[in-house]
Amino acid sequence: MTDALPPAPKYTTLPQWPKAYPASGASATLKLLNEDFIVTELPLQLPSGAGEHLWLDVEKNGANTAFVAQQLAGAAGVEERDVGYAGLKDRYAITRQWFSICFPKGETPDLTQLQHPEFKVLSQSRHVKKLRPGDLQGNRFRIVLREVTGDRDAIEANLKAIASQGVPNYFGAQRFGHDGGNVEQGRAMLTREIRVRNPKKKGIYLSAVRSFVFNEVLALRIQQGLWGTTLPGDVMDKDEAGRPTGPLWGRGRVSTTDQAQALENGVAASHASLCDGMEHAGLDQERRALVASPADLSWEWLQANQLVLTFSLPAGNYATSVLNEILRTAEPERHPPASE
């Protein structure tokens, strides 16, 4: 008689992934006002002035990116699928980003005249291609932290460390849904406990699962004192910094060898239902930098309890990864409409 296999783990809560730097013990309020979180998209290119797509430079205030896309489609008289954008931006913020609308024929509408309380079209121009997810260099942030309490010297020490060494390149909590629910839904989908027909939901669940495994690898390196160091067998990223990467799981073997491969395969074994499922879902192995390096990081104390941070991050990196290494943040309690 053989022993029964232990049940596969459930993913009903997100773990508290470790930080790279000593806790400052400080805390602050984030996004008390929309203008406390200003994000400016850094585009890969600017519109050329000619082509079948109308590009719009939009500033939104308190609106979801998808909601703005819906409103633009309605104003232009096109289907929502004809509107493109490079990335989702925070709702409780003031953000500036580009949208594109496929508009090959007919008179071009002047959408700069569109009146809406939550967004405005700053300018428009024609271009040859549609904006697609990921079509951006990164984002520039200006963040006001209010009601800061704690040791100012400890906060500054972490800021200086971040400026020189970067931060763990964790996927942010928003990737995983409310209480991490997208990971558990993804597990249930991959193990065929549930069937997900909606392609958009399927993509969200796969992204959450993949991001979770990456974060687990990164967390283990931090726990073992290996973050910010290069292990035998590491695969390095292709930018000038040449820093170690972690796995975005999929088909095939991880490209690391030696100690790095053993660490990654150990994490995969502890989350076998997720990793086996991703391999059979048709995803290919990819890599992501383990370190995020905020560019042009600067800070200023407007008042004794009010700190302003400015920095830029490449596409796919999260501002919360920077904030989490400085202090604890809490947002005001909000009750969005039931339709959200």
C-alpha atoms as a PDB file:
ATOM      1  CA  MET A   1       0.000   0.000   0.000  1.00  0.00           C
ATOM      2  CA  THR A   2       1.476   3.326  -1.057  1.00  0.00           C
ATOM      3  CA  ASP A   3       1.176   6.574   0.836  1.00  0.00           C
ATOM      4  CA  ALA A   4      -1.308   9.028  -0.644  1.00  0.00           C
ATOM      5  CA  LEU A   5       0.182  12.133  -2.196  1.00  0.00           C
ATOM      6  CA  PRO A   6      -0.266  15.299  -0.134  1.00  0.00           C
ATOM      7  CA  PRO A   7      -2.991  17.592  -1.442  1.00  0.00           C
ATOM      8  CA  ALA A   8      -1.860  20.370  -3.761  1.00  0.00           C
ATOM      9  CA  PRO A   9      -1.513  23.708  -1.986  1.00  0.00           C
ATOM     10  CA  LYS A  10      -4.292  26.257  -2.303  1.00  0.00           C
ATOM     11  CA  TYR A  11      -3.527  29.919  -2.945  1.00  0.00           C
ATOM     12  CA  THR A  12      -6.208  31.710  -0.980  1.00  0.00           C
ATOM     13  CA  THR A  13      -3.877  34.368   0.494  1.00  0.00           C
ATOM     14  CA  LEU A  14      -0.674  35.959  -0.738  1.00  0.00           C
ATOM     15  CA  PRO A  15       2.456  35.346   1.341  1.00  0.00           C
ATOM     16  CA  GLN A  16       4.333  38.250   2.928  1.00  0.00           C
ATOM     17  CA  TRP A  17       7.292  38.253   0.567  1.00  0.00           C
ATOM     18  CA  PRO A  18      10.501  39.461   2.229  1.00  0.00           C
ATOM     19  CA  LYS A  19      12.138  42.816   1.601  1.00  0.00           C
ATOM     20  CA  ALA A  20      15.749  43.465   0.631  1.00  0.00           C
ATOM     21  CA  TYR A  21      16.489  46.257   3.117  1.00  0.00           C
ATOM     22  CA  PRO A  22      15.961  46.605   6.878  1.00  0.00           C
ATOM     23  CA  ALA A  23      12.453  47.771   7.778  1.00  0.00           C
ATOM     24  CA  SER A  24      12.493  51.510   8.521  1.00  0.00           C
ATOM     25  CA  GLY A  25       9.520  51.169  10.873  1.00  0.00           C
ATOM     26  CA  ALA A  26       8.012  54.222   9.170  1.00  0.00           C
ATOM     27  CA  SER A  27       4.536  54.517   7.659  1.00  0.00           C
ATOM     28  CA  ALA A  28       2.637  56.955   5.435  1.00  0.00           C
ATOM     29  CA  THR A  29      -0.646  57.563   3.661  1.00  0.00           C
ATOM     30  CA  LEU A  30      -0.579  56.971  -0.098  1.00  0.00           C
ATOM     31  CA  LYS A  31      -3.040  58.455  -2.620  1.00  0.00           C
ATOM     32  CA  LEU A  32      -4.940  60.588  -0.135  1.00  0.00           C
ATOM     33  CA  LEU A  33      -5.622  62.777  -3.197  1.00  0.00           C
ATOM     34  CA  ASN A  34      -5.427  61.775  -6.851  1.00  0.00           C
ATOM     35  CA  GLU A  35      -2.712  64.396  -7.390  1.00  0.00           C
ATOM     36  CA  ASP A  36      -0.534  62.577  -4.838  1.00  0.00           C
ATOM     37  CA  PHE A  37       0.177  59.914  -7.466  1.00  0.00           C
ATOM     38  CA  ILE A  38       1.124  61.335 -10.864  1.00  0.00           C
ATOM     39  CA  VAL A  39       2.196  58.930 -13.619  1.00  0.00           C
ATOM     40  CA  THR A  40       3.472  59.979 -17.043  1.00  0.00           C
ATOM     41  CA  GLU A  41       3.880  57.316 -19.697  1.00  0.00           C
ATOM     42  CA  LEU A  42       7.212  57.277 -21.534  1.00  0.00           C
ATOM     43  CA  PRO A  43       6.258  56.163 -25.072  1.00  0.00           C
ATOM     44  CA  LEU A  44       8.404  54.058 -27.381  1.00  0.00           C
ATOM     45  CA  GLN A  45       7.642  56.476 -30.199  1.00  0.00           C
ATOM     46  CA  LEU A  46       5.538  59.509 -31.012  1.00  0.00           C
ATOM     47  CA  PRO A  47       2.936  59.644 -33.791  1.00  0.00           C
ATOM     48  CA  SER A  48       4.326  60.468 -37.222  1.00  0.00           C
ATOM     49  CA  GLY A  49       1.372  62.605 -38.357  1.00  0.00           C
ATOM     50  CA  ALA A  50       0.081  60.183 -41.006  1.00  0.00           C
ATOM     51  CA  GLY A  51      -1.530  56.745 -41.017  1.00  0.00           C
ATOM     52  CA  GLU A  52      -4.758  54.851 -40.342  1.00  0.00           C
ATOM     53  CA  HIS A  53      -4.651  55.246 -36.551  1.00  0.00           C
ATOM     54  CA  LEU A  54      -5.499  58.340 -34.544  1.00  0.00           C
ATOM     55  CA  TRP A  55      -3.231  58.682 -31.491  1.00  0.00           C
ATOM     56  CA  LEU A  56      -4.506  60.636 -28.488  1.00  0.00           C
ATOM     57  CA  ASP A  57      -2.430  62.067 -25.641  1.00  0.00           C
ATOM     58  CA  VAL A  58      -4.834  61.742 -22.693  1.00  0.00           C
ATOM     59  CA  GLU A  59      -4.702  62.924 -19.098  1.00  0.00           C
ATOM     60  CA  LYS A  60      -7.067  61.091 -16.778  1.00  0.00           C
ATOM     61  CA  ASN A  61      -7.999  61.876 -13.187  1.00  0.00           C
ATOM     62  CA  GLY A  62      -9.736  59.193 -11.111  1.00  0.00           C
ATOM     63  CA  ALA A  63     -10.651  56.935 -14.041  1.00  0.00           C
ATOM     64  CA  ASN A  64      -9.655  53.432 -15.143  1.00  0.00           C
ATOM     65  CA  THR A  65      -7.750  53.082 -18.416  1.00  0.00           C
ATOM     66  CA  ALA A  66     -10.373  50.627 -19.728  1.00  0.00           C
ATOM     67  CA  PHE A  67     -13.173  53.084 -18.892  1.00  0.00           C
ATOM     68  CA  VAL A  68     -11.418  55.863 -20.830  1.00  0.00           C
ATOM     69  CA  ALA A  69     -10.950  53.517 -23.801  1.00  0.00           C
ATOM     70  CA  GLN A  70     -14.677  52.747 -23.691  1.00  0.00           C
ATOM     71  CA  GLN A  71     -15.567  56.445 -23.650  1.00  0.00           C
ATOM     72  CA  LEU A  72     -13.185  57.224 -26.523  1.00  0.00           C
ATOM     73  CA  ALA A  73     -14.688  54.418 -28.608  1.00  0.00           C
ATOM     74  CA  GLY A  74     -18.161  55.811 -28.038  1.00  0.00           C
ATOM     75  CA  ALA A  75     -17.111  59.351 -28.926  1.00  0.00           C
ATOM     76  CA  ALA A  76     -15.378  58.205 -32.118  1.00  0.00           C
ATOM     77  CA  GLY A  77     -18.202  55.841 -33.098  1.00  0.00           C
ATOM     78  CA  VAL A  78     -15.982  52.749 -33.257  1.00  0.00           C
ATOM     79  CA  GLU A  79     -15.898  49.364 -31.490  1.00  0.00           C
ATOM     80  CA  GLU A  80     -13.996  49.174 -28.225  1.00  0.00           C
ATOM     81  CA  ARG A  81     -11.596  46.651 -29.786  1.00  0.00           C
ATOM     82  CA  ASP A  82     -10.458  49.409 -32.191  1.00  0.00           C
ATOM     83  CA  VAL A  83      -8.977  51.397 -29.279  1.00  0.00           C
ATOM     84  CA  GLY A  84      -5.437  50.543 -28.198  1.00  0.00           C
ATOM     85  CA  TYR A  85      -3.205  51.522 -25.284  1.00  0.00           C
ATOM     86  CA  ALA A  86       0.221  50.454 -24.037  1.00  0.00           C
ATOM     87  CA  GLY A  87      -0.604  49.764 -20.398  1.00  0.00           C
ATOM     88  CA  LEU A  88      -3.141  50.044 -17.605  1.00  0.00           C
ATOM     89  CA  LYS A  89      -2.667  53.045 -15.321  1.00  0.00           C
ATOM     90  CA  ASP A  90      -3.822  53.549 -11.728  1.00  0.00           C
ATOM     91  CA  ARG A  91      -7.361  54.798 -11.182  1.00  0.00           C
ATOM     92  CA  TYR A  92      -6.786  56.853  -8.022  1.00  0.00           C
ATOM     93  CA  ALA A  93      -4.151  59.042  -9.624  1.00  0.00           C
ATOM     94  CA  ILE A  94      -3.521  61.633 -12.294  1.00  0.00           C
ATOM     95  CA  THR A  95      -2.004  59.802 -15.241  1.00  0.00           C
ATOM     96  CA  ARG A  96      -0.988  60.713 -18.742  1.00  0.00           C
ATOM     97  CA  GLN A  97      -0.873  58.090 -21.466  1.00  0.00           C
ATOM     98  CA  TRP A  98      -1.407  57.504 -25.187  1.00  0.00           C
ATOM     99  CA  PHE A  99      -4.438  55.821 -26.762  1.00  0.00           C
ATOM    100  CA  SER A 100      -4.896  54.886 -30.422  1.00  0.00           C
ATOM    101  CA  ILE A 101      -8.103  54.554 -32.441  1.00  0.00           C
ATOM    102  CA  CYS A 102      -8.292  52.731 -35.760  1.00  0.00           C
ATOM    103  CA  PHE A 103      -9.849  55.333 -38.032  1.00  0.00           C
ATOM    104  CA  PRO A 104      -8.763  54.654 -41.643  1.00  0.00           C
ATOM    105  CA  LYS A 105     -11.542  56.437 -43.552  1.00  0.00           C
ATOM    106  CA  GLY A 106     -13.767  59.454 -43.311  1.00  0.00           C
ATOM    107  CA  GLU A 107     -13.357  62.773 -41.599  1.00  0.00           C
ATOM    108  CA  THR A 108     -11.135  62.771 -38.519  1.00  0.00           C
ATOM    109  CA  PRO A 109     -13.086  63.758 -35.382  1.00  0.00           C
ATOM    110  CA  ASP A 110     -11.559  66.407 -33.145  1.00  0.00           C
ATOM    111  CA  LEU A 111     -11.532  64.526 -29.841  1.00  0.00           C
ATOM    112  CA  THR A 112      -9.665  67.334 -28.072  1.00  0.00           C
ATOM    113  CA  GLN A 113     -13.116  68.938 -27.829  1.00  0.00           C
ATOM    114  CA  LEU A 114     -14.475  65.983 -25.839  1.00  0.00           C
ATOM    115  CA  GLN A 115     -15.741  67.093 -22.406  1.00  0.00           C
ATOM    116  CA  HIS A 116     -15.540  64.607 -19.546  1.00  0.00           C
ATOM    117  CA  PRO A 117     -15.016  65.209 -15.809  1.00  0.00           C
ATOM    118  CA  GLU A 118     -12.453  62.385 -15.444  1.00  0.00           C
ATOM    119  CA  PHE A 119     -10.220  62.818 -18.495  1.00  0.00           C
ATOM    120  CA  LYS A 120      -9.220  65.201 -21.273  1.00  0.00           C
ATOM    121  CA  VAL A 121      -7.569  64.717 -24.666  1.00  0.00           C
ATOM    122  CA  LEU A 122      -4.528  66.993 -24.718  1.00  0.00           C
ATOM    123  CA  SER A 123      -3.618  66.464 -28.376  1.00  0.00           C
ATOM    124  CA  GLN A 124      -4.158  64.095 -31.284  1.00  0.00           C
ATOM    125  CA  SER A 125      -2.173  63.021 -34.330  1.00  0.00           C
ATOM    126  CA  ARG A 126      -2.170  60.269 -36.948  1.00  0.00           C
ATOM    127  CA  HIS A 127       0.170  57.257 -36.957  1.00  0.00           C
ATOM    128  CA  VAL A 128       0.731  54.066 -38.973  1.00  0.00           C
ATOM    129  CA  LYS A 129       0.157  51.504 -36.213  1.00  0.00           C
ATOM    130  CA  LYS A 130      -2.105  50.622 -33.327  1.00  0.00           C
ATOM    131  CA  LEU A 131      -0.864  50.884 -29.741  1.00  0.00           C
ATOM    132  CA  ARG A 132      -0.560  47.467 -28.145  1.00  0.00           C
ATOM    133  CA  PRO A 133       0.136  46.340 -24.565  1.00  0.00           C
ATOM    134  CA  GLY A 134       3.810  46.804 -23.744  1.00  0.00           C
ATOM    135  CA  ASP A 135       4.439  49.511 -26.368  1.00  0.00           C
ATOM    136  CA  LEU A 136       6.138  51.849 -23.907  1.00  0.00           C
ATOM    137  CA  GLN A 137       9.603  52.524 -22.497  1.00  0.00           C
ATOM    138  CA  GLY A 138       8.318  52.945 -18.959  1.00  0.00           C
ATOM    139  CA  ASN A 139       6.666  55.439 -16.631  1.00  0.00           C
ATOM    140  CA  ARG A 140       7.696  58.530 -14.698  1.00  0.00           C
ATOM    141  CA  PHE A 141       6.274  58.867 -11.174  1.00  0.00           C
ATOM    142  CA  ARG A 142       5.761  61.765  -8.788  1.00  0.00           C
ATOM    143  CA  ILE A 143       4.436  60.432  -5.479  1.00  0.00           C
ATOM    144  CA  VAL A 144       3.447  62.456  -2.422  1.00  0.00           C
ATOM    145  CA  LEU A 145       3.506  60.507   0.847  1.00  0.00           C
ATOM    146  CA  ARG A 146       1.458  62.194   3.566  1.00  0.00           C
ATOM    147  CA  GLU A 147       1.205  61.691   7.327  1.00  0.00           C
ATOM    148  CA  VAL A 148       4.697  60.170   7.406  1.00  0.00           C
ATOM    149  CA  THR A 149       5.598  58.834  10.838  1.00  0.00           C
ATOM    150  CA  GLY A 150       8.812  57.141  11.914  1.00  0.00           C
ATOM    151  CA  ASP A 151      12.569  57.537  11.765  1.00  0.00           C
ATOM    152  CA  ARG A 152      13.509  60.003   9.033  1.00  0.00           C
ATOM    153  CA  ASP A 153      17.134  58.811   9.032  1.00  0.00           C
ATOM    154  CA  ALA A 154      16.015  55.201   8.458  1.00  0.00           C
ATOM    155  CA  ILE A 155      13.820  56.316   5.542  1.00  0.00           C
ATOM    156  CA  GLU A 156      16.709  58.236   3.981  1.00  0.00           C
ATOM    157  CA  ALA A 157      19.110  55.318   4.469  1.00  0.00           C
ATOM    158  CA  ASN A 158      16.790  53.052   2.485  1.00  0.00           C
ATOM    159  CA  LEU A 159      16.317  55.690  -0.208  1.00  0.00           C
ATOM    160  CA  LYS A 160      20.083  55.986  -0.652  1.00  0.00           C
ATOM    161  CA  ALA A 161      20.434  52.196  -0.820  1.00  0.00           C
ATOM    162  CA  ILE A 162      17.675  52.002  -3.433  1.00  0.00           C
ATOM    163  CA  ALA A 163      19.285  54.747  -5.518  1.00  0.00           C
ATOM    164  CA  SER A 164      22.547  52.779  -5.690  1.00  0.00           C
ATOM    165  CA  GLN A 165      21.376  49.141  -5.682  1.00  0.00           C
ATOM    166  CA  GLY A 166      17.747  49.116  -6.873  1.00  0.00           C
ATOM    167  CA  VAL A 167      14.891  47.064  -5.392  1.00  0.00           C
ATOM    168  CA  PRO A 168      13.542  43.521  -5.784  1.00  0.00           C
ATOM    169  CA  ASN A 169      11.563  43.477  -9.020  1.00  0.00           C
ATOM    170  CA  TYR A 170       8.437  41.928  -7.507  1.00  0.00           C
ATOM    171  CA  PHE A 171       5.176  41.923  -9.406  1.00  0.00           C
ATOM    172  CA  GLY A 172       2.836  44.235  -7.501  1.00  0.00           C
ATOM    173  CA  ALA A 173      -0.222  43.152  -5.530  1.00  0.00           C
ATOM    174  CA  GLN A 174      -2.578  44.491  -8.232  1.00  0.00           C
ATOM    175  CA  ARG A 175      -1.315  41.668 -10.479  1.00  0.00           C
ATOM    176  CA  PHE A 176      -2.921  39.084  -8.211  1.00  0.00           C
ATOM    177  CA  GLY A 177      -6.421  40.494  -7.715  1.00  0.00           C
ATOM    178  CA  HIS A 178      -8.267  41.050  -4.455  1.00  0.00           C
ATOM    179  CA  ASP A 179      -6.538  39.057  -1.685  1.00  0.00           C
ATOM    180  CA  GLY A 180      -4.541  37.244  -4.371  1.00  0.00           C
ATOM    181  CA  GLY A 181      -7.697  35.576  -5.693  1.00  0.00           C
ATOM    182  CA  ASN A 182      -6.457  35.447  -9.295  1.00  0.00           C
ATOM    183  CA  VAL A 183      -3.726  32.965  -8.315  1.00  0.00           C
ATOM    184  CA  GLU A 184      -6.207  30.500  -6.798  1.00  0.00           C
ATOM    185  CA  GLN A 185      -8.524  30.921  -9.785  1.00  0.00           C
ATOM    186  CA  GLY A 186      -5.547  30.292 -12.048  1.00  0.00           C
ATOM    187  CA  ARG A 187      -4.629  27.137 -10.124  1.00  0.00           C
ATOM    188  CA  ALA A 188      -8.202  25.853 -10.353  1.00  0.00           C
ATOM    189  CA  MET A 189      -8.232  26.617 -14.077  1.00  0.00           C
ATOM    190  CA  LEU A 190      -4.897  24.886 -14.736  1.00  0.00           C
ATOM    191  CA  THR A 191      -5.906  21.789 -12.757  1.00  0.00           C
ATOM    192  CA  ARG A 192      -9.252  21.764 -14.613  1.00  0.00           C
ATOM    193  CA  GLU A 193     -11.310  22.210 -11.483  1.00  0.00           C
ATOM    194  CA  ILE A 194     -12.987  25.134 -13.231  1.00  0.00           C
ATOM    195  CA  ARG A 195     -13.405  25.989 -16.885  1.00  0.00           C
ATOM    196  CA  VAL A 196     -12.671  29.551 -17.988  1.00  0.00           C
ATOM    197  CA  ARG A 197     -14.062  30.438 -21.397  1.00  0.00           C
ATOM    198  CA  ASN A 198     -13.446  34.202 -21.341  1.00  0.00           C
ATOM    199  CA  PRO A 199     -10.048  34.733 -23.053  1.00  0.00           C
ATOM    200  CA  LYS A 200      -9.419  37.954 -21.120  1.00  0.00           C
ATOM    201  CA  LYS A 201     -10.020  36.273 -17.747  1.00  0.00           C
ATOM    202  CA  LYS A 202      -7.887  33.323 -18.800  1.00  0.00           C
ATOM    203  CA  GLY A 203      -5.035  35.703 -19.618  1.00  0.00           C
ATOM    204  CA  ILE A 204      -5.395  37.489 -16.263  1.00  0.00           C
ATOM    205  CA  TYR A 205      -5.267  34.182 -14.357  1.00  0.00           C
ATOM    206  CA  LEU A 206      -2.239  32.919 -16.311  1.00  0.00           C
ATOM    207  CA  SER A 207      -0.390  36.197 -15.704  1.00  0.00           C
ATOM    208  CA  ALA A 208      -1.167  36.002 -11.980  1.00  0.00           C
ATOM    209  CA  VAL A 209       0.122  32.439 -11.679  1.00  0.00           C
ATOM    210  CA  ARG A 210       3.273  33.180 -13.655  1.00  0.00           C
ATOM    211  CA  SER A 211       3.956  36.318 -11.627  1.00  0.00           C
ATOM    212  CA  PHE A 212       3.412  34.413  -8.368  1.00  0.00           C
ATOM    213  CA  VAL A 213       6.075  31.808  -9.209  1.00  0.00           C
ATOM    214  CA  PHE A 214       8.524  34.552 -10.217  1.00  0.00           C
ATOM    215  CA  ASN A 215       7.923  36.346  -6.902  1.00  0.00           C
ATOM    216  CA  GLU A 216       8.492  33.064  -5.032  1.00  0.00           C
ATOM    217  CA  VAL A 217      11.903  32.615  -6.710  1.00  0.00           C
ATOM    218  CA  LEU A 218      12.858  36.203  -5.910  1.00  0.00           C
ATOM    219  CA  ALA A 219      11.652  35.844  -2.304  1.00  0.00           C
ATOM    220  CA  LEU A 220      13.738  32.698  -1.791  1.00  0.00           C
ATOM    221  CA  ARG A 221      16.871  34.460  -3.036  1.00  0.00           C
ATOM    222  CA  ILE A 222      16.244  37.285  -0.571  1.00  0.00           C
ATOM    223  CA  GLN A 223      15.619  34.822   2.288  1.00  0.00           C
ATOM    224  CA  GLN A 224      18.892  33.069   1.498  1.00  0.00           C
ATOM    225  CA  GLY A 225      20.822  36.333   1.339  1.00  0.00           C
ATOM    226  CA  LEU A 226      21.328  35.929  -2.416  1.00  0.00           C
ATOM    227  CA  TRP A 227      19.445  38.953  -3.711  1.00  0.00           C
ATOM    228  CA  GLY A 228      21.653  41.429  -5.545  1.00  0.00           C
ATOM    229  CA  THR A 229      24.325  38.757  -6.025  1.00  0.00           C
ATOM    230  CA  THR A 230      25.074  36.577  -9.029  1.00  0.00           C
ATOM    231  CA  LEU A 231      24.790  32.808  -8.578  1.00  0.00           C
ATOM    232  CA  PRO A 232      26.656  30.184 -10.586  1.00  0.00           C
ATOM    233  CA  GLY A 233      24.440  29.422 -13.587  1.00  0.00           C
ATOM    234  CA  ASP A 234      22.464  32.680 -13.556  1.00  0.00           C
ATOM    235  CA  VAL A 235      21.066  34.061 -16.817  1.00  0.00           C
ATOM    236  CA  MET A 236      21.761  37.791 -16.982  1.00  0.00           C
ATOM    237  CA  ASP A 237      19.466  40.420 -18.469  1.00  0.00           C
ATOM    238  CA  LYS A 238      20.452  42.144 -21.671  1.00  0.00           C
ATOM    239  CA  ASP A 239      20.654  45.749 -20.523  1.00  0.00           C
ATOM    240  CA  GLU A 240      23.845  47.552 -19.540  1.00  0.00           C
ATOM    241  CA  ALA A 241      23.559  46.536 -15.872  1.00  0.00           C
ATOM    242  CA  GLY A 242      23.687  42.842 -16.728  1.00  0.00           C
ATOM    243  CA  ARG A 243      21.782  41.719 -13.642  1.00  0.00           C
ATOM    244  CA  PRO A 244      20.424  38.224 -12.819  1.00  0.00           C
ATOM    245  CA  THR A 245      16.987  37.187 -14.067  1.00  0.00           C
ATOM    246  CA  GLY A 246      14.226  34.954 -12.740  1.00  0.00           C
ATOM    247  CA  PRO A 247      11.861  32.620 -14.594  1.00  0.00           C
ATOM    248  CA  LEU A 248       8.528  33.434 -16.167  1.00  0.00           C
ATOM    249  CA  TRP A 249       7.398  29.826 -16.277  1.00  0.00           C
ATOM    250  CA  GLY A 250       6.437  27.935 -19.405  1.00  0.00           C
ATOM    251  CA  ARG A 251       7.357  25.032 -21.663  1.00  0.00           C
ATOM    252  CA  GLY A 252      10.880  23.658 -21.677  1.00  0.00           C
ATOM    253  CA  ARG A 253      13.670  23.705 -19.152  1.00  0.00           C
ATOM    254  CA  VAL A 254      14.770  26.823 -17.342  1.00  0.00           C
ATOM    255  CA  SER A 255      17.803  28.334 -19.064  1.00  0.00           C
ATOM    256  CA  THR A 256      19.785  28.651 -15.852  1.00  0.00           C
ATOM    257  CA  THR A 257      22.328  26.008 -14.761  1.00  0.00           C
ATOM    258  CA  ASP A 258      24.102  24.961 -11.568  1.00  0.00           C
ATOM    259  CA  GLN A 259      23.028  26.656  -8.304  1.00  0.00           C
ATOM    260  CA  ALA A 260      20.582  29.070  -9.965  1.00  0.00           C
ATOM    261  CA  GLN A 261      18.799  26.225 -11.757  1.00  0.00           C
ATOM    262  CA  ALA A 262      18.577  24.149  -8.575  1.00  0.00           C
ATOM    263  CA  LEU A 263      16.950  27.066  -6.738  1.00  0.00           C
ATOM    264  CA  GLU A 264      14.411  27.702  -9.510  1.00  0.00           C
ATOM    265  CA  ASN A 265      13.529  24.027  -9.937  1.00  0.00           C
ATOM    266  CA  GLY A 266      13.090  23.728  -6.171  1.00  0.00           C
ATOM    267  CA  VAL A 267      10.489  26.503  -6.233  1.00  0.00           C
ATOM    268  CA  ALA A 268       8.797  24.895  -9.235  1.00  0.00           C
ATOM    269  CA  ALA A 269       8.583  21.568  -7.394  1.00  0.00           C
ATOM    270  CA  SER A 270       6.840  23.221  -4.437  1.00  0.00           C
ATOM    271  CA  HIS A 271       4.291  24.754  -6.836  1.00  0.00           C
ATOM    272  CA  ALA A 272       4.029  21.807  -9.226  1.00  0.00           C
ATOM    273  CA  SER A 273       0.330  22.282  -9.993  1.00  0.00           C
ATOM    274  CA  LEU A 274       1.032  25.832 -11.181  1.00  0.00           C
ATOM    275  CA  CYS A 275       4.189  25.129 -13.168  1.00  0.00           C
ATOM    276  CA  ASP A 276       2.929  21.919 -14.807  1.00  0.00           C
ATOM    277  CA  GLY A 277      -0.268  23.726 -15.720  1.00  0.00           C
ATOM    278  CA  MET A 278       1.593  26.635 -17.312  1.00  0.00           C
ATOM    279  CA  GLU A 279       3.704  24.265 -19.390  1.00  0.00           C
ATOM    280  CA  HIS A 280       0.554  22.600 -20.740  1.00  0.00           C
ATOM    281  CA  ALA A 281      -1.155  25.976 -21.277  1.00  0.00           C
ATOM    282  CA  GLY A 282       1.268  26.739 -24.108  1.00  0.00           C
ATOM    283  CA  LEU A 283       3.384  29.392 -22.391  1.00  0.00           C
ATOM    284  CA  ASP A 284       7.086  29.455 -23.256  1.00  0.00           C
ATOM    285  CA  GLN A 285       9.877  29.986 -20.747  1.00  0.00           C
ATOM    286  CA  GLU A 286      10.866  33.671 -20.515  1.00  0.00           C
ATOM    287  CA  ARG A 287      13.046  35.697 -18.150  1.00  0.00           C
ATOM    288  CA  ARG A 288      12.566  38.863 -16.075  1.00  0.00           C
ATOM    289  CA  ALA A 289      15.175  40.918 -14.232  1.00  0.00           C
ATOM    290  CA  LEU A 290      15.272  40.238 -10.484  1.00  0.00           C
ATOM    291  CA  VAL A 291      16.319  43.843  -9.805  1.00  0.00           C
ATOM    292  CA  ALA A 292      14.370  47.007 -10.674  1.00  0.00           C
ATOM    293  CA  SER A 293      16.482  50.146 -10.882  1.00  0.00           C
ATOM    294  CA  PRO A 294      14.554  53.403 -10.500  1.00  0.00           C
ATOM    295  CA  ALA A 295      16.177  56.068 -12.687  1.00  0.00           C
ATOM    296  CA  ASP A 296      16.701  59.665 -11.519  1.00  0.00           C
ATOM    297  CA  LEU A 297      15.404  58.894  -8.022  1.00  0.00           C
ATOM    298  CA  SER A 298      15.091  62.064  -5.944  1.00  0.00           C
ATOM    299  CA  TRP A 299      13.208  63.008  -2.803  1.00  0.00           C
ATOM    300  CA  GLU A 300      12.204  66.122  -0.930  1.00  0.00           C
ATOM    301  CA  TRP A 301      10.560  66.748   2.436  1.00  0.00           C
ATOM    302  CA  LEU A 302       7.826  69.321   1.819  1.00  0.00           C
ATOM    303  CA  GLN A 303       6.986  69.219   5.522  1.00  0.00           C
ATOM    304  CA  ALA A 304       8.207  67.163   8.466  1.00  0.00           C
ATOM    305  CA  ASN A 305       5.520  64.551   7.681  1.00  0.00           C
ATOM    306  CA  GLN A 306       5.276  64.952   3.892  1.00  0.00           C
ATOM    307  CA  LEU A 307       7.727  63.313   1.498  1.00  0.00           C
ATOM    308  CA  VAL A 308       7.783  63.655  -2.308  1.00  0.00           C
ATOM    309  CA  LEU A 309       9.476  61.021  -4.472  1.00  0.00           C
ATOM    310  CA  THR A 310      10.195  61.240  -8.200  1.00  0.00           C
ATOM    311  CA  PHE A 311      11.658  58.436 -10.319  1.00  0.00           C
ATOM    312  CA  SER A 312      11.233  56.512 -13.558  1.00  0.00           C
ATOM    313  CA  LEU A 313      10.832  52.762 -14.035  1.00  0.00           C
ATOM    314  CA  PRO A 314      10.990  50.581 -17.146  1.00  0.00           C
ATOM    315  CA  ALA A 315       7.800  49.026 -18.510  1.00  0.00           C
ATOM    316  CA  GLY A 316       6.518  46.181 -16.350  1.00  0.00           C
ATOM    317  CA  ASN A 317       8.149  47.423 -13.120  1.00  0.00           C
ATOM    318  CA  TYR A 318       5.995  48.509 -10.171  1.00  0.00           C
ATOM    319  CA  ALA A 319       6.265  51.701  -8.126  1.00  0.00           C
ATOM    320  CA  THR A 320       4.965  49.724  -5.140  1.00  0.00           C
ATOM    321  CA  SER A 321       8.188  47.679  -5.224  1.00  0.00           C
ATOM    322  CA  VAL A 322      10.070  50.910  -4.534  1.00  0.00           C
ATOM    323  CA  LEU A 323       7.660  52.169  -1.867  1.00  0.00           C
ATOM    324  CA  ASN A 324       7.608  48.842  -0.011  1.00  0.00           C
ATOM    325  CA  GLU A 325      11.354  49.055   0.604  1.00  0.00           C
ATOM    326  CA  ILE A 326      11.065  52.540   2.120  1.00  0.00           C
ATOM    327  CA  LEU A 327       8.084  52.382   4.487  1.00  0.00           C
ATOM    328  CA  ARG A 328       4.634  50.918   5.015  1.00  0.00           C
ATOM    329  CA  THR A 329       1.864  52.659   3.094  1.00  0.00           C
ATOM    330  CA  ALA A 330      -1.906  52.624   3.490  1.00  0.00           C
ATOM    331  CA  GLU A 331      -4.517  54.057   1.151  1.00  0.00           C
ATOM    332  CA  PRO A 332      -7.798  55.676   2.199  1.00  0.00           C
ATOM    333  CA  GLU A 333     -10.695  53.235   2.361  1.00  0.00           C
ATOM    334  CA  ARG A 334     -12.697  53.467  -0.816  1.00  0.00           C
ATOM    335  CA  HIS A 335     -15.958  51.899  -1.876  1.00  0.00           C
ATOM    336  CA  PRO A 336     -16.025  51.673  -5.672  1.00  0.00           C
ATOM    337  CA  PRO A 337     -19.310  51.206  -7.500  1.00  0.00           C
ATOM    338  CA  ALA A 338     -20.669  47.659  -7.590  1.00  0.00           C
ATOM    339  CA  SER A 339     -20.117  47.560 -11.377  1.00  0.00           C
ATOM    340  CA  GLU A 340     -16.340  47.620 -10.951  1.00  0.00           C
END
